[in-house]
Amino acid sequence: MSKDVELNEADEKTFAYLKGHPKGVLQSDLWKDLDVDSRTCSRIIKKLEDAGLVTREETKKDGTRTFLITVVHTSEAVNPALFMAGQTIIPCVACMEECTVEHCKMLEDWIYELVFDEME
């Protein structure tokens, strides 16, 4: 889905801003919120759209045409190996205890197993 598009600092800042607004942002408001001119904002949005990171949906605000910019949400599969230490799955997955990470004996043991597996 995502093309190889190199994002600069302004692109990254804009994308981070948009990720903080899951319902989207009107492009007519976005350039003001980011303190950039509308032309620069359009170029940034075009680059993010070409990268497959955002969508633009035409809409109207106060009778004027604008676009609703929303982040494209993708769900990437998580590598199950990230939850394993040797043959043991992280205990937090099915834990019913109410504990803190800093004081969980089961998690501590699992982390030790993970470290020892890495050392082998």
C-alpha atoms as a PDB file:
ATOM      1  CA  MET A   1       0.000   0.000   0.000  1.00  0.00           C
ATOM      2  CA  SER A   2       2.632   2.557   1.022  1.00  0.00           C
ATOM      3  CA  LYS A   3       4.954   3.722  -1.738  1.00  0.00           C
ATOM      4  CA  ASP A   4       8.573   4.535  -1.021  1.00  0.00           C
ATOM      5  CA  VAL A   5       8.242   8.256  -0.413  1.00  0.00           C
ATOM      6  CA  GLU A   6      10.862  10.067   1.613  1.00  0.00           C
ATOM      7  CA  LEU A   7       9.249  12.259   4.256  1.00  0.00           C
ATOM      8  CA  ASN A   8      10.951  15.382   5.532  1.00  0.00           C
ATOM      9  CA  GLU A   9      10.551  16.961   8.967  1.00  0.00           C
ATOM     10  CA  ALA A  10       7.474  18.992   7.952  1.00  0.00           C
ATOM     11  CA  ASP A  11       5.823  15.869   6.495  1.00  0.00           C
ATOM     12  CA  GLU A  12       6.528  13.891   9.670  1.00  0.00           C
ATOM     13  CA  LYS A  13       5.221  16.721  11.861  1.00  0.00           C
ATOM     14  CA  THR A  14       2.027  16.918   9.808  1.00  0.00           C
ATOM     15  CA  PHE A  15       1.526  13.155   9.888  1.00  0.00           C
ATOM     16  CA  ALA A  16       2.051  13.089  13.670  1.00  0.00           C
ATOM     17  CA  TYR A  17      -0.499  15.886  14.042  1.00  0.00           C
ATOM     18  CA  LEU A  18      -3.015  14.000  11.914  1.00  0.00           C
ATOM     19  CA  LYS A  19      -2.496  10.787  13.888  1.00  0.00           C
ATOM     20  CA  GLY A  20      -3.594  12.729  16.952  1.00  0.00           C
ATOM     21  CA  HIS A  21      -6.930  13.483  15.267  1.00  0.00           C
ATOM     22  CA  PRO A  22      -8.501  10.099  14.437  1.00  0.00           C
ATOM     23  CA  LYS A  23     -11.698  11.674  13.064  1.00  0.00           C
ATOM     24  CA  GLY A  24      -9.653  13.741  10.621  1.00  0.00           C
ATOM     25  CA  VAL A  25      -8.860  17.408  10.123  1.00  0.00           C
ATOM     26  CA  LEU A  26     -10.196  19.793   7.524  1.00  0.00           C
ATOM     27  CA  GLN A  27      -7.408  20.872   5.210  1.00  0.00           C
ATOM     28  CA  SER A  28      -8.651  24.455   5.499  1.00  0.00           C
ATOM     29  CA  ASP A  29      -7.933  24.260   9.241  1.00  0.00           C
ATOM     30  CA  LEU A  30      -4.808  22.122   9.016  1.00  0.00           C
ATOM     31  CA  TRP A  31      -2.545  24.693   7.427  1.00  0.00           C
ATOM     32  CA  LYS A  32      -3.553  27.231  10.079  1.00  0.00           C
ATOM     33  CA  ASP A  33      -3.049  24.720  12.914  1.00  0.00           C
ATOM     34  CA  LEU A  34       0.421  23.864  11.597  1.00  0.00           C
ATOM     35  CA  ASP A  35       1.309  27.514  10.917  1.00  0.00           C
ATOM     36  CA  VAL A  36       2.210  26.921   7.260  1.00  0.00           C
ATOM     37  CA  ASP A  37       0.765  28.486   4.116  1.00  0.00           C
ATOM     38  CA  SER A  38      -2.041  26.666   2.304  1.00  0.00           C
ATOM     39  CA  ARG A  39       0.160  25.849  -0.694  1.00  0.00           C
ATOM     40  CA  THR A  40       2.802  24.166   1.479  1.00  0.00           C
ATOM     41  CA  CYS A  41       0.074  22.277   3.311  1.00  0.00           C
ATOM     42  CA  SER A  42      -1.355  21.027   0.005  1.00  0.00           C
ATOM     43  CA  ARG A  43       2.057  19.747  -1.061  1.00  0.00           C
ATOM     44  CA  ILE A  44       2.554  17.953   2.253  1.00  0.00           C
ATOM     45  CA  ILE A  45      -0.893  16.352   2.079  1.00  0.00           C
ATOM     46  CA  LYS A  46      -0.237  15.264  -1.519  1.00  0.00           C
ATOM     47  CA  LYS A  47       3.015  13.616  -0.475  1.00  0.00           C
ATOM     48  CA  LEU A  48       1.340  11.842   2.475  1.00  0.00           C
ATOM     49  CA  GLU A  49      -1.509  10.753   0.207  1.00  0.00           C
ATOM     50  CA  ASP A  50       0.917   9.422  -2.422  1.00  0.00           C
ATOM     51  CA  ALA A  51       2.656   7.464   0.344  1.00  0.00           C
ATOM     52  CA  GLY A  52      -0.670   5.866   1.271  1.00  0.00           C
ATOM     53  CA  LEU A  53      -0.607   7.399   4.746  1.00  0.00           C
ATOM     54  CA  VAL A  54      -3.673   9.661   4.492  1.00  0.00           C
ATOM     55  CA  THR A  55      -6.852  10.054   2.497  1.00  0.00           C
ATOM     56  CA  ARG A  56      -8.542  13.239   1.276  1.00  0.00           C
ATOM     57  CA  GLU A  57     -12.309  13.367   1.132  1.00  0.00           C
ATOM     58  CA  GLU A  58     -13.980  16.379  -0.458  1.00  0.00           C
ATOM     59  CA  THR A  59     -16.385  18.206   1.835  1.00  0.00           C
ATOM     60  CA  LYS A  60     -17.750  21.710   2.442  1.00  0.00           C
ATOM     61  CA  LYS A  61     -17.322  24.040   5.378  1.00  0.00           C
ATOM     62  CA  ASP A  62     -19.429  27.180   5.464  1.00  0.00           C
ATOM     63  CA  GLY A  63     -20.243  26.657   1.786  1.00  0.00           C
ATOM     64  CA  THR A  64     -16.592  26.464   0.765  1.00  0.00           C
ATOM     65  CA  ARG A  65     -15.002  23.331  -0.696  1.00  0.00           C
ATOM     66  CA  THR A  66     -12.267  21.765   1.417  1.00  0.00           C
ATOM     67  CA  PHE A  67     -10.986  18.285   2.187  1.00  0.00           C
ATOM     68  CA  LEU A  68     -11.212  16.095   5.257  1.00  0.00           C
ATOM     69  CA  ILE A  69      -7.770  14.583   5.811  1.00  0.00           C
ATOM     70  CA  THR A  70      -7.685  11.304   7.715  1.00  0.00           C
ATOM     71  CA  VAL A  71      -4.918   8.873   8.541  1.00  0.00           C
ATOM     72  CA  VAL A  72      -5.107   5.494   6.815  1.00  0.00           C
ATOM     73  CA  HIS A  73      -5.225   2.906   9.560  1.00  0.00           C
ATOM     74  CA  THR A  74      -3.517  -0.355   8.830  1.00  0.00           C
ATOM     75  CA  SER A  75      -3.360  -3.330  11.085  1.00  0.00           C
ATOM     76  CA  GLU A  76      -0.092  -5.114  10.693  1.00  0.00           C
ATOM     77  CA  ALA A  77       0.273  -8.641  11.980  1.00  0.00           C
ATOM     78  CA  VAL A  78       2.358  -8.863  15.125  1.00  0.00           C
ATOM     79  CA  ASN A  79       5.158 -11.378  15.099  1.00  0.00           C
ATOM     80  CA  PRO A  80       4.149 -13.943  17.785  1.00  0.00           C
ATOM     81  CA  ALA A  81       7.818 -14.568  18.531  1.00  0.00           C
ATOM     82  CA  LEU A  82       7.854 -11.164  20.242  1.00  0.00           C
ATOM     83  CA  PHE A  83       5.681 -12.671  22.980  1.00  0.00           C
ATOM     84  CA  MET A  84       7.900 -15.711  23.507  1.00  0.00           C
ATOM     85  CA  ALA A  85      10.889 -16.454  25.700  1.00  0.00           C
ATOM     86  CA  GLY A  86      12.034 -19.893  24.662  1.00  0.00           C
ATOM     87  CA  GLN A  87       8.854 -21.952  24.709  1.00  0.00           C
ATOM     88  CA  THR A  88       7.093 -19.687  27.222  1.00  0.00           C
ATOM     89  CA  ILE A  89       4.628 -16.999  26.194  1.00  0.00           C
ATOM     90  CA  ILE A  90       4.673 -13.717  28.122  1.00  0.00           C
ATOM     91  CA  PRO A  91       2.476 -14.247  31.190  1.00  0.00           C
ATOM     92  CA  CYS A  92       0.675 -10.918  30.758  1.00  0.00           C
ATOM     93  CA  VAL A  93      -1.282 -12.257  27.775  1.00  0.00           C
ATOM     94  CA  ALA A  94      -3.666 -14.270  29.935  1.00  0.00           C
ATOM     95  CA  CYS A  95      -2.956 -12.755  33.347  1.00  0.00           C
ATOM     96  CA  MET A  96      -5.885 -11.971  35.601  1.00  0.00           C
ATOM     97  CA  GLU A  97      -3.769 -10.467  38.384  1.00  0.00           C
ATOM     98  CA  GLU A  98      -3.881  -6.787  39.157  1.00  0.00           C
ATOM     99  CA  CYS A  99      -0.230  -5.943  39.522  1.00  0.00           C
ATOM    100  CA  THR A 100       2.324  -3.432  38.422  1.00  0.00           C
ATOM    101  CA  VAL A 101       4.992  -4.291  35.902  1.00  0.00           C
ATOM    102  CA  GLU A 102       7.706  -3.354  38.384  1.00  0.00           C
ATOM    103  CA  HIS A 103       6.467  -5.897  40.955  1.00  0.00           C
ATOM    104  CA  CYS A 104       5.296  -8.890  38.917  1.00  0.00           C
ATOM    105  CA  LYS A 105       7.175 -12.081  39.758  1.00  0.00           C
ATOM    106  CA  MET A 106       5.762 -13.977  36.743  1.00  0.00           C
ATOM    107  CA  LEU A 107       6.887 -11.243  34.369  1.00  0.00           C
ATOM    108  CA  GLU A 108      10.280 -11.035  36.042  1.00  0.00           C
ATOM    109  CA  ASP A 109      10.803 -14.783  35.588  1.00  0.00           C
ATOM    110  CA  TRP A 110       9.737 -14.542  31.950  1.00  0.00           C
ATOM    111  CA  ILE A 111      12.199 -11.696  31.320  1.00  0.00           C
ATOM    112  CA  TYR A 112      15.026 -13.724  32.891  1.00  0.00           C
ATOM    113  CA  GLU A 113      14.145 -16.605  30.575  1.00  0.00           C
ATOM    114  CA  LEU A 114      14.182 -14.208  27.627  1.00  0.00           C
ATOM    115  CA  VAL A 115      17.616 -12.890  28.593  1.00  0.00           C
ATOM    116  CA  PHE A 116      19.056 -16.378  29.071  1.00  0.00           C
ATOM    117  CA  ASP A 117      17.672 -17.471  25.678  1.00  0.00           C
ATOM    118  CA  GLU A 118      19.385 -14.488  24.054  1.00  0.00           C
ATOM    119  CA  MET A 119      22.682 -15.401  25.704  1.00  0.00           C
ATOM    120  CA  GLU A 120      22.646 -18.935  24.274  1.00  0.00           C
END
